[in-house]
């Protein structure tokens, strides 16, 4: 029952936003997140980069950020997905993103011109693990801790729940496969 109430709450929030802004949704004041963020621990370097983007679906343009990522371990580059990020992505439900969409970050918890939100939801398209056959996985977030510090957090179990809850076609439960990047990291903004 609790899950149904959460889903209804998300739907009502989406409907309310659609009713207020038929053409544009999602907060626009995201400048604090733009740029390159880095996490370094011993021999591991993890970077993400964010730029402004719009996801267009069903005639509504959602403001947010497109991002890329990089990972090196012991000086060897393991993941490099930071080139040529789009500014617009026109989608249909259940579509696999273009090959240059790696991270989608957004917040719809307030008016479009609200102050910078401290938390953005993320949808992560892990190019090695390919969750849900390349459709990506939600359940994660980035949180602005200070103007130069960011918390990156992925939650695979929550992402699986969001994707599969109520899906009667599943023959067996979806099992976590992990991520090719750190699941949690405090990142510093690069100059």
N, C-alpha and C. Protein backbone atom coordinates (compact mmCIF):
# COMPACT_ATOMS: atom_id res chain seq x y z
N UNK A 1 0.82 -1.19 0.00
CA UNK A 1 0.00 0.00 0.00
C UNK A 1 0.86 1.26 0.00
N UNK A 2 1.96 1.19 0.78
CA UNK A 2 2.86 2.33 0.85
C UNK A 2 3.46 2.63 -0.53
N UNK A 3 3.82 1.57 -1.28
CA UNK A 3 4.40 1.75 -2.62
C UNK A 3 3.39 2.39 -3.55
N UNK A 4 2.15 1.98 -3.45
CA UNK A 4 1.10 2.56 -4.30
C UNK A 4 0.95 4.04 -4.00
N UNK A 5 0.99 4.40 -2.71
CA UNK A 5 0.86 5.81 -2.32
C UNK A 5 2.04 6.64 -2.86
N UNK A 6 3.26 6.06 -2.83
CA UNK A 6 4.43 6.77 -3.35
C UNK A 6 4.27 6.99 -4.85
N UNK A 7 3.82 5.96 -5.56
CA UNK A 7 3.64 6.08 -7.01
C UNK A 7 2.57 7.13 -7.32
N UNK A 8 1.47 7.11 -6.58
CA UNK A 8 0.40 8.10 -6.78
C UNK A 8 0.93 9.50 -6.52
N UNK A 9 1.76 9.65 -5.48
CA UNK A 9 2.33 10.95 -5.16
C UNK A 9 3.19 11.47 -6.32
N UNK A 10 4.04 10.59 -6.89
CA UNK A 10 4.86 10.99 -8.04
C UNK A 10 3.99 11.38 -9.23
N UNK A 11 2.95 10.62 -9.48
CA UNK A 11 2.05 10.93 -10.60
C UNK A 11 1.36 12.27 -10.39
N UNK A 12 0.87 12.51 -9.19
CA UNK A 12 0.19 13.78 -8.92
C UNK A 12 1.15 14.96 -9.03
N UNK A 13 2.39 14.77 -8.57
CA UNK A 13 3.39 15.82 -8.71
C UNK A 13 3.62 16.12 -10.18
N UNK A 14 3.77 15.07 -10.98
CA UNK A 14 3.97 15.26 -12.42
C UNK A 14 2.79 15.94 -13.08
N UNK A 15 1.58 15.57 -12.69
CA UNK A 15 0.38 16.19 -13.25
C UNK A 15 0.31 17.65 -12.85
N UNK A 16 0.62 17.95 -11.60
CA UNK A 16 0.58 19.34 -11.13
C UNK A 16 1.59 20.19 -11.88
N UNK A 17 2.77 19.66 -12.09
CA UNK A 17 3.79 20.40 -12.84
C UNK A 17 3.34 20.60 -14.27
N UNK A 18 2.78 19.56 -14.88
CA UNK A 18 2.30 19.67 -16.26
C UNK A 18 1.20 20.71 -16.37
N UNK A 19 0.32 20.76 -15.39
CA UNK A 19 -0.78 21.72 -15.44
C UNK A 19 -0.25 23.14 -15.32
N UNK A 20 0.81 23.35 -14.51
CA UNK A 20 1.36 24.69 -14.32
C UNK A 20 2.21 25.12 -15.51
N UNK A 21 3.00 24.22 -16.04
CA UNK A 21 3.92 24.53 -17.13
C UNK A 21 3.74 23.50 -18.23
N UNK A 22 2.91 23.79 -19.19
CA UNK A 22 2.62 22.80 -20.22
C UNK A 22 3.81 22.55 -21.14
N UNK A 23 4.68 23.54 -21.29
CA UNK A 23 5.78 23.37 -22.23
C UNK A 23 7.13 23.13 -21.58
N UNK A 24 7.31 23.54 -20.34
CA UNK A 24 8.62 23.45 -19.71
C UNK A 24 8.47 22.97 -18.28
N UNK A 25 9.36 22.07 -17.85
CA UNK A 25 9.33 21.56 -16.48
C UNK A 25 10.76 21.34 -16.01
N UNK A 26 10.91 21.14 -14.73
CA UNK A 26 12.23 20.92 -14.15
C UNK A 26 12.92 22.24 -13.85
N UNK A 27 13.62 22.28 -12.76
CA UNK A 27 14.29 23.51 -12.33
C UNK A 27 15.38 23.93 -13.30
N UNK A 28 15.53 25.25 -13.48
CA UNK A 28 16.52 25.77 -14.40
C UNK A 28 17.80 26.24 -13.70
N UNK A 29 17.72 26.56 -12.42
CA UNK A 29 18.87 27.12 -11.71
C UNK A 29 19.83 26.03 -11.27
N UNK A 30 20.58 25.52 -12.24
CA UNK A 30 21.46 24.39 -11.98
C UNK A 30 22.94 24.73 -12.20
N UNK A 31 23.24 26.02 -12.29
CA UNK A 31 24.62 26.45 -12.58
C UNK A 31 25.64 25.90 -11.60
N UNK A 32 25.26 25.74 -10.34
CA UNK A 32 26.20 25.26 -9.32
C UNK A 32 26.72 23.86 -9.64
N UNK A 33 25.98 23.09 -10.42
CA UNK A 33 26.37 21.72 -10.76
C UNK A 33 27.22 21.63 -12.03
N UNK A 34 27.25 22.70 -12.83
CA UNK A 34 27.95 22.65 -14.11
C UNK A 34 29.45 22.50 -13.92
N UNK A 35 30.09 21.81 -14.85
CA UNK A 35 31.53 21.67 -14.81
C UNK A 35 31.98 20.25 -14.49
N UNK A 36 33.24 20.13 -14.13
CA UNK A 36 33.86 18.83 -13.87
C UNK A 36 34.07 18.64 -12.38
N UNK A 37 33.73 17.45 -11.91
CA UNK A 37 33.87 17.07 -10.50
C UNK A 37 34.76 15.84 -10.44
N UNK A 38 35.62 15.78 -9.41
CA UNK A 38 36.59 14.70 -9.34
C UNK A 38 36.63 14.08 -7.93
N UNK A 39 36.79 12.76 -7.93
CA UNK A 39 37.01 11.99 -6.71
C UNK A 39 38.29 11.23 -6.91
N UNK A 40 39.18 11.29 -5.90
CA UNK A 40 40.43 10.56 -6.00
C UNK A 40 40.68 9.87 -4.67
N UNK A 41 40.96 8.57 -4.74
CA UNK A 41 41.28 7.77 -3.56
C UNK A 41 42.35 6.78 -3.95
N UNK A 42 43.51 6.93 -3.31
CA UNK A 42 44.65 6.07 -3.62
C UNK A 42 44.92 6.09 -5.12
N UNK A 43 44.74 4.96 -5.81
CA UNK A 43 45.05 4.88 -7.24
C UNK A 43 43.82 4.97 -8.13
N UNK A 44 42.68 5.39 -7.56
CA UNK A 44 41.43 5.49 -8.33
C UNK A 44 41.07 6.96 -8.55
N UNK A 45 40.77 7.30 -9.80
CA UNK A 45 40.31 8.65 -10.14
C UNK A 45 38.98 8.50 -10.87
N UNK A 46 37.96 9.15 -10.33
CA UNK A 46 36.61 9.13 -10.92
C UNK A 46 36.21 10.57 -11.16
N UNK A 47 35.80 10.88 -12.40
CA UNK A 47 35.38 12.23 -12.77
C UNK A 47 34.00 12.17 -13.39
N UNK A 48 33.23 13.23 -13.15
CA UNK A 48 31.98 13.44 -13.88
C UNK A 48 31.97 14.87 -14.39
N UNK A 49 31.29 15.09 -15.47
CA UNK A 49 31.15 16.43 -16.03
C UNK A 49 29.68 16.66 -16.33
N UNK A 50 29.18 17.87 -16.04
CA UNK A 50 27.77 18.20 -16.29
C UNK A 50 27.66 19.45 -17.15
N UNK A 51 26.70 19.41 -18.05
CA UNK A 51 26.32 20.59 -18.85
C UNK A 51 24.80 20.64 -18.92
N UNK A 52 24.28 21.82 -19.23
CA UNK A 52 22.82 21.97 -19.35
C UNK A 52 22.26 21.06 -20.45
N UNK A 53 21.04 20.59 -20.22
CA UNK A 53 20.40 19.77 -21.23
C UNK A 53 18.89 19.80 -21.06
N UNK A 54 18.20 19.35 -22.09
CA UNK A 54 16.74 19.26 -22.04
C UNK A 54 16.33 17.90 -22.56
N UNK A 55 15.42 17.28 -21.83
CA UNK A 55 14.83 16.01 -22.25
C UNK A 55 13.41 16.35 -22.70
N UNK A 56 13.10 16.05 -23.93
CA UNK A 56 11.78 16.38 -24.46
C UNK A 56 10.99 15.09 -24.63
N UNK A 57 9.84 15.02 -23.95
CA UNK A 57 8.98 13.85 -24.01
C UNK A 57 7.53 14.29 -23.95
N UNK A 58 6.72 13.74 -24.81
CA UNK A 58 5.29 14.07 -24.86
C UNK A 58 5.02 15.57 -24.91
N UNK A 59 5.85 16.31 -25.63
CA UNK A 59 5.63 17.74 -25.80
C UNK A 59 6.08 18.59 -24.62
N UNK A 60 6.68 17.99 -23.60
CA UNK A 60 7.16 18.75 -22.45
C UNK A 60 8.68 18.72 -22.46
N UNK A 61 9.28 19.88 -22.25
CA UNK A 61 10.73 20.01 -22.20
C UNK A 61 11.15 20.07 -20.73
N UNK A 62 11.91 19.06 -20.31
CA UNK A 62 12.39 18.98 -18.93
C UNK A 62 13.81 19.53 -18.85
N UNK A 63 14.01 20.56 -18.03
CA UNK A 63 15.34 21.11 -17.79
C UNK A 63 16.13 20.15 -16.92
N UNK A 64 17.41 20.04 -17.18
CA UNK A 64 18.26 19.19 -16.36
C UNK A 64 19.69 19.29 -16.82
N UNK A 65 20.45 18.26 -16.51
CA UNK A 65 21.85 18.21 -16.87
C UNK A 65 22.17 16.89 -17.56
N UNK A 66 22.97 16.97 -18.60
CA UNK A 66 23.55 15.77 -19.20
C UNK A 66 24.97 15.67 -18.67
N UNK A 67 25.39 14.45 -18.41
CA UNK A 67 26.72 14.27 -17.85
C UNK A 67 27.48 13.15 -18.50
N UNK A 68 28.78 13.20 -18.31
CA UNK A 68 29.67 12.15 -18.76
C UNK A 68 30.53 11.69 -17.59
N UNK A 69 31.23 10.58 -17.77
CA UNK A 69 32.05 10.08 -16.68
C UNK A 69 33.35 9.46 -17.18
N UNK A 70 34.29 9.38 -16.25
CA UNK A 70 35.65 8.88 -16.52
C UNK A 70 36.11 8.12 -15.29
N UNK A 71 36.80 7.02 -15.46
CA UNK A 71 37.36 6.27 -14.35
C UNK A 71 38.72 5.71 -14.75
N UNK A 72 39.71 5.92 -13.88
CA UNK A 72 41.01 5.27 -14.08
C UNK A 72 41.42 4.61 -12.77
N UNK A 73 42.05 3.47 -12.90
CA UNK A 73 42.56 2.73 -11.75
C UNK A 73 44.01 2.36 -12.03
N UNK A 74 44.90 2.70 -11.09
CA UNK A 74 46.34 2.45 -11.25
C UNK A 74 46.88 3.05 -12.55
N UNK A 75 46.37 4.21 -12.92
CA UNK A 75 46.84 4.91 -14.11
C UNK A 75 46.29 4.38 -15.42
N UNK A 76 45.43 3.35 -15.37
CA UNK A 76 44.84 2.78 -16.58
C UNK A 76 43.41 3.28 -16.71
N UNK A 77 43.08 3.89 -17.85
CA UNK A 77 41.72 4.38 -18.08
C UNK A 77 40.79 3.19 -18.31
N UNK A 78 39.79 3.06 -17.43
CA UNK A 78 38.83 1.96 -17.52
C UNK A 78 37.54 2.39 -18.21
N UNK A 79 37.14 3.63 -17.99
CA UNK A 79 35.90 4.17 -18.56
C UNK A 79 36.18 5.60 -19.02
N UNK A 80 35.79 5.93 -20.24
CA UNK A 80 35.93 7.31 -20.74
C UNK A 80 34.72 7.64 -21.58
N UNK A 81 33.79 8.37 -20.96
CA UNK A 81 32.55 8.78 -21.63
C UNK A 81 32.28 10.24 -21.29
N UNK A 82 33.12 11.13 -21.81
CA UNK A 82 32.99 12.55 -21.49
C UNK A 82 32.94 13.44 -22.73
N UNK A 83 33.00 12.87 -23.90
CA UNK A 83 33.01 13.68 -25.12
C UNK A 83 31.62 13.88 -25.68
N UNK A 84 31.43 14.99 -26.35
CA UNK A 84 30.26 15.22 -27.20
C UNK A 84 28.92 14.94 -26.52
N UNK A 85 28.66 15.64 -25.41
CA UNK A 85 27.36 15.50 -24.75
C UNK A 85 26.30 16.28 -25.50
N UNK A 86 25.08 15.77 -25.57
CA UNK A 86 24.02 16.50 -26.29
C UNK A 86 23.48 17.65 -25.45
N UNK A 87 22.69 18.50 -26.07
CA UNK A 87 21.98 19.53 -25.32
C UNK A 87 20.48 19.24 -25.28
N UNK A 88 20.01 18.40 -26.21
CA UNK A 88 18.59 18.03 -26.27
C UNK A 88 18.49 16.54 -26.58
N UNK A 89 17.53 15.89 -25.91
CA UNK A 89 17.25 14.48 -26.17
C UNK A 89 15.74 14.33 -26.27
N UNK A 90 15.27 14.01 -27.47
CA UNK A 90 13.85 13.76 -27.70
C UNK A 90 13.61 12.27 -27.49
N UNK A 91 12.78 11.95 -26.47
CA UNK A 91 12.60 10.54 -26.13
C UNK A 91 11.15 10.09 -26.25
N UNK A 92 11.03 8.79 -26.30
CA UNK A 92 9.73 8.12 -26.19
C UNK A 92 9.88 7.16 -25.02
N UNK A 93 8.80 6.77 -24.37
CA UNK A 93 8.92 5.85 -23.23
C UNK A 93 9.68 4.58 -23.60
N UNK A 94 10.51 4.14 -22.67
CA UNK A 94 11.27 2.89 -22.78
C UNK A 94 12.26 2.87 -23.94
N UNK A 95 12.78 4.02 -24.32
CA UNK A 95 13.78 4.02 -25.39
C UNK A 95 15.18 3.98 -24.81
N UNK A 96 16.07 3.38 -25.53
CA UNK A 96 17.47 3.39 -25.16
C UNK A 96 18.00 4.76 -25.57
N UNK A 97 18.81 5.40 -24.71
CA UNK A 97 19.29 6.74 -25.04
C UNK A 97 20.28 6.73 -26.18
N UNK A 98 20.52 7.90 -26.77
CA UNK A 98 21.57 7.98 -27.77
C UNK A 98 22.90 7.55 -27.15
N UNK A 99 23.84 7.19 -27.96
CA UNK A 99 25.11 6.66 -27.45
C UNK A 99 25.90 7.69 -26.65
N UNK A 100 25.58 8.98 -26.76
CA UNK A 100 26.32 10.00 -26.01
C UNK A 100 25.53 10.56 -24.82
N UNK A 101 24.57 9.81 -24.29
CA UNK A 101 23.90 10.17 -23.04
C UNK A 101 24.38 9.17 -21.99
N UNK A 102 25.04 9.67 -20.96
CA UNK A 102 25.65 8.82 -19.94
C UNK A 102 25.01 9.03 -18.56
N UNK A 103 24.65 10.29 -18.27
CA UNK A 103 24.01 10.64 -17.00
C UNK A 103 22.94 11.68 -17.31
N UNK A 104 21.78 11.53 -16.72
CA UNK A 104 20.71 12.53 -16.80
C UNK A 104 20.39 12.92 -15.36
N UNK A 105 20.49 14.21 -15.03
CA UNK A 105 20.21 14.70 -13.67
C UNK A 105 19.13 15.77 -13.75
N UNK A 106 18.17 15.72 -12.82
CA UNK A 106 17.05 16.64 -12.85
C UNK A 106 16.42 16.78 -11.47
N UNK A 107 15.59 17.81 -11.32
CA UNK A 107 14.79 18.01 -10.12
C UNK A 107 13.51 18.71 -10.52
N UNK A 108 12.39 18.16 -10.12
CA UNK A 108 11.08 18.77 -10.43
C UNK A 108 10.30 19.07 -9.16
N UNK A 109 11.02 19.24 -8.03
CA UNK A 109 10.36 19.43 -6.75
C UNK A 109 10.01 20.88 -6.44
N UNK A 110 10.00 21.74 -7.40
CA UNK A 110 9.65 23.13 -7.15
C UNK A 110 9.41 23.85 -8.45
N UNK A 111 9.12 25.15 -8.35
CA UNK A 111 8.91 25.94 -9.57
C UNK A 111 10.18 25.99 -10.42
N UNK A 112 9.98 26.24 -11.69
CA UNK A 112 11.10 26.26 -12.64
C UNK A 112 12.20 27.22 -12.21
N UNK A 113 11.84 28.40 -11.71
CA UNK A 113 12.84 29.40 -11.35
C UNK A 113 13.19 29.38 -9.87
N UNK A 114 12.96 28.27 -9.18
CA UNK A 114 13.31 28.14 -7.77
C UNK A 114 14.83 28.24 -7.61
N UNK A 115 15.30 28.56 -6.40
CA UNK A 115 16.76 28.58 -6.18
C UNK A 115 17.36 27.21 -6.47
N UNK A 116 18.68 27.17 -6.62
CA UNK A 116 19.38 25.93 -6.92
C UNK A 116 18.99 24.85 -5.92
N UNK A 117 18.51 23.72 -6.41
CA UNK A 117 18.16 22.62 -5.49
C UNK A 117 19.44 21.97 -4.94
N UNK A 118 19.38 21.52 -3.70
CA UNK A 118 20.56 20.88 -3.11
C UNK A 118 20.70 19.43 -3.55
N UNK A 119 19.65 18.89 -4.19
CA UNK A 119 19.66 17.48 -4.57
C UNK A 119 19.08 17.32 -5.98
N UNK A 120 19.75 16.53 -6.80
CA UNK A 120 19.23 16.19 -8.12
C UNK A 120 19.15 14.67 -8.24
N UNK A 121 18.06 14.19 -8.81
CA UNK A 121 17.92 12.77 -9.13
C UNK A 121 18.84 12.47 -10.31
N UNK A 122 19.35 11.25 -10.38
CA UNK A 122 20.14 10.89 -11.56
C UNK A 122 19.66 9.56 -12.13
N UNK A 123 19.75 9.48 -13.43
CA UNK A 123 19.56 8.25 -14.18
C UNK A 123 20.91 7.97 -14.79
N UNK A 124 21.48 6.81 -14.49
CA UNK A 124 22.84 6.49 -14.90
C UNK A 124 22.82 5.42 -15.99
N UNK A 125 23.50 5.71 -17.10
CA UNK A 125 23.61 4.79 -18.22
C UNK A 125 25.02 4.22 -18.20
N UNK A 126 25.22 3.16 -17.45
CA UNK A 126 26.51 2.51 -17.29
C UNK A 126 26.82 1.78 -18.60
N UNK A 127 27.81 2.27 -19.31
CA UNK A 127 28.11 1.73 -20.64
C UNK A 127 28.72 0.33 -20.60
N UNK A 128 29.27 -0.07 -19.48
CA UNK A 128 29.81 -1.43 -19.38
C UNK A 128 28.75 -2.40 -18.84
N UNK A 129 28.06 -2.02 -17.78
CA UNK A 129 27.10 -2.92 -17.14
C UNK A 129 25.75 -2.97 -17.86
N UNK A 130 25.37 -1.88 -18.51
CA UNK A 130 24.14 -1.82 -19.34
C UNK A 130 22.90 -2.32 -18.59
N UNK A 131 22.57 -1.66 -17.49
CA UNK A 131 21.37 -2.01 -16.73
C UNK A 131 20.14 -1.97 -17.62
N UNK A 132 19.29 -2.95 -17.48
CA UNK A 132 18.04 -3.07 -18.23
C UNK A 132 18.29 -2.92 -19.73
N UNK A 133 19.26 -3.67 -20.20
CA UNK A 133 19.60 -3.75 -21.63
C UNK A 133 19.93 -2.38 -22.23
N UNK A 134 20.59 -1.54 -21.45
CA UNK A 134 21.02 -0.23 -21.94
C UNK A 134 20.07 0.90 -21.65
N UNK A 135 18.92 0.64 -21.04
CA UNK A 135 17.96 1.70 -20.71
C UNK A 135 18.39 2.51 -19.50
N UNK A 136 19.43 2.07 -18.80
CA UNK A 136 19.93 2.79 -17.64
C UNK A 136 19.17 2.44 -16.38
N UNK A 137 19.58 3.10 -15.29
CA UNK A 137 18.98 2.82 -14.00
C UNK A 137 18.88 4.10 -13.18
N UNK A 138 17.74 4.27 -12.54
CA UNK A 138 17.52 5.41 -11.65
C UNK A 138 17.89 5.03 -10.23
N UNK A 139 17.34 5.77 -9.29
CA UNK A 139 17.56 5.47 -7.89
C UNK A 139 18.75 6.18 -7.28
N UNK A 140 19.50 6.92 -8.08
CA UNK A 140 20.65 7.63 -7.56
C UNK A 140 20.40 9.12 -7.43
N UNK A 141 21.36 9.81 -6.84
CA UNK A 141 21.24 11.26 -6.72
C UNK A 141 22.63 11.89 -6.61
N UNK A 142 22.66 13.19 -6.85
CA UNK A 142 23.83 14.00 -6.53
C UNK A 142 23.34 15.08 -5.59
N UNK A 143 24.14 15.38 -4.59
CA UNK A 143 23.76 16.38 -3.59
C UNK A 143 24.87 17.39 -3.48
N UNK A 144 24.51 18.66 -3.60
CA UNK A 144 25.47 19.74 -3.46
C UNK A 144 25.71 19.96 -1.97
N UNK A 145 26.92 19.66 -1.52
CA UNK A 145 27.26 19.81 -0.10
C UNK A 145 27.80 21.20 0.19
N UNK A 146 28.46 21.80 -0.79
CA UNK A 146 28.96 23.17 -0.72
C UNK A 146 29.19 23.60 -2.17
N UNK A 147 29.54 24.85 -2.41
CA UNK A 147 29.76 25.25 -3.81
C UNK A 147 30.84 24.44 -4.53
N UNK A 148 31.74 23.80 -3.77
CA UNK A 148 32.83 23.04 -4.39
C UNK A 148 32.83 21.57 -4.02
N UNK A 149 31.78 21.09 -3.36
CA UNK A 149 31.75 19.70 -2.92
C UNK A 149 30.40 19.07 -3.24
N UNK A 150 30.44 17.85 -3.76
CA UNK A 150 29.26 17.16 -4.25
C UNK A 150 29.28 15.71 -3.76
N UNK A 151 28.11 15.19 -3.37
CA UNK A 151 27.99 13.77 -3.04
C UNK A 151 27.35 13.06 -4.22
N UNK A 152 28.01 12.03 -4.71
CA UNK A 152 27.53 11.16 -5.79
C UNK A 152 27.07 9.87 -5.14
N UNK A 153 25.83 9.45 -5.37
CA UNK A 153 25.31 8.25 -4.72
C UNK A 153 24.43 7.47 -5.70
N UNK A 154 24.79 6.20 -5.94
CA UNK A 154 23.99 5.30 -6.75
C UNK A 154 23.35 4.27 -5.82
N UNK A 155 22.10 3.92 -6.09
CA UNK A 155 21.39 2.92 -5.28
C UNK A 155 20.75 1.92 -6.23
N UNK A 156 21.45 0.84 -6.50
CA UNK A 156 20.99 -0.13 -7.49
C UNK A 156 19.70 -0.82 -7.07
N UNK A 157 19.57 -1.17 -5.79
CA UNK A 157 18.35 -1.84 -5.34
C UNK A 157 17.13 -0.96 -5.53
N UNK A 158 17.25 0.33 -5.21
CA UNK A 158 16.13 1.25 -5.42
C UNK A 158 15.84 1.40 -6.91
N UNK A 159 16.88 1.50 -7.73
CA UNK A 159 16.70 1.60 -9.18
C UNK A 159 16.00 0.39 -9.76
N UNK A 160 16.34 -0.80 -9.28
CA UNK A 160 15.68 -2.02 -9.73
C UNK A 160 14.22 -2.00 -9.31
N UNK A 161 13.97 -1.59 -8.08
CA UNK A 161 12.58 -1.53 -7.59
C UNK A 161 11.75 -0.58 -8.46
N UNK A 162 12.31 0.63 -8.75
CA UNK A 162 11.57 1.60 -9.59
C UNK A 162 11.24 1.00 -10.94
N UNK A 163 12.17 0.27 -11.52
CA UNK A 163 11.99 -0.26 -12.87
C UNK A 163 11.05 -1.47 -12.90
N UNK A 164 11.03 -2.27 -11.85
CA UNK A 164 10.31 -3.55 -11.92
C UNK A 164 9.05 -3.63 -11.07
N UNK A 165 8.82 -2.71 -10.16
CA UNK A 165 7.66 -2.79 -9.27
C UNK A 165 6.37 -2.91 -10.07
N UNK A 166 5.63 -3.94 -9.80
CA UNK A 166 4.35 -4.15 -10.46
C UNK A 166 4.43 -4.78 -11.83
N UNK A 167 5.61 -5.11 -12.31
CA UNK A 167 5.77 -5.71 -13.64
C UNK A 167 5.43 -7.20 -13.56
N UNK A 168 4.26 -7.55 -14.02
CA UNK A 168 3.78 -8.93 -13.96
C UNK A 168 4.44 -9.84 -14.99
N UNK A 169 5.17 -9.27 -15.94
CA UNK A 169 5.79 -10.08 -16.99
C UNK A 169 7.13 -10.69 -16.55
N UNK A 170 7.67 -10.25 -15.41
CA UNK A 170 8.95 -10.77 -14.94
C UNK A 170 8.81 -12.22 -14.50
N UNK A 171 9.67 -13.06 -15.02
CA UNK A 171 9.67 -14.47 -14.65
C UNK A 171 10.41 -14.70 -13.32
N UNK A 172 11.46 -13.93 -13.07
CA UNK A 172 12.22 -14.03 -11.83
C UNK A 172 12.69 -12.63 -11.43
N UNK A 173 13.04 -12.46 -10.16
CA UNK A 173 13.49 -11.13 -9.71
C UNK A 173 14.76 -10.69 -10.44
N UNK A 174 14.88 -9.39 -10.65
CA UNK A 174 16.09 -8.83 -11.25
C UNK A 174 17.14 -8.73 -10.16
N UNK A 175 18.32 -9.24 -10.44
CA UNK A 175 19.40 -9.24 -9.46
C UNK A 175 20.37 -8.10 -9.75
N UNK A 176 20.91 -7.48 -8.70
CA UNK A 176 21.90 -6.42 -8.90
C UNK A 176 23.13 -6.94 -9.65
N UNK A 177 23.68 -6.10 -10.51
CA UNK A 177 24.89 -6.45 -11.26
C UNK A 177 26.05 -5.52 -10.93
N UNK A 178 25.81 -4.53 -10.09
CA UNK A 178 26.85 -3.59 -9.70
C UNK A 178 27.04 -2.49 -10.73
N UNK A 179 28.03 -1.65 -10.49
CA UNK A 179 28.33 -0.53 -11.37
C UNK A 179 29.80 -0.57 -11.75
N UNK A 180 30.13 0.05 -12.86
CA UNK A 180 31.53 0.12 -13.29
C UNK A 180 32.23 1.34 -12.69
N UNK A 181 31.52 2.14 -11.90
CA UNK A 181 32.08 3.33 -11.25
C UNK A 181 31.75 3.25 -9.75
N UNK A 182 32.38 4.09 -8.92
CA UNK A 182 32.05 4.07 -7.49
C UNK A 182 30.56 4.36 -7.26
N UNK A 183 29.99 3.65 -6.29
CA UNK A 183 28.58 3.86 -5.95
C UNK A 183 28.39 5.10 -5.08
N UNK A 184 29.40 5.46 -4.33
CA UNK A 184 29.31 6.65 -3.48
C UNK A 184 30.66 7.34 -3.45
N UNK A 185 30.64 8.67 -3.62
CA UNK A 185 31.89 9.42 -3.62
C UNK A 185 31.62 10.88 -3.28
N UNK A 186 32.51 11.47 -2.50
CA UNK A 186 32.50 12.91 -2.28
C UNK A 186 33.42 13.48 -3.35
N UNK A 187 32.89 14.36 -4.19
CA UNK A 187 33.63 14.88 -5.33
C UNK A 187 33.89 16.37 -5.16
N UNK A 188 35.03 16.81 -5.64
CA UNK A 188 35.44 18.21 -5.55
C UNK A 188 35.38 18.83 -6.94
N UNK A 189 34.87 20.06 -7.02
CA UNK A 189 34.78 20.76 -8.31
C UNK A 189 36.17 21.11 -8.80
N UNK A 190 36.44 20.78 -10.05
CA UNK A 190 37.74 21.05 -10.64
C UNK A 190 37.74 22.46 -11.22
N UNK A 191 38.83 23.16 -11.02
CA UNK A 191 38.97 24.53 -11.54
C UNK A 191 39.21 24.51 -13.02
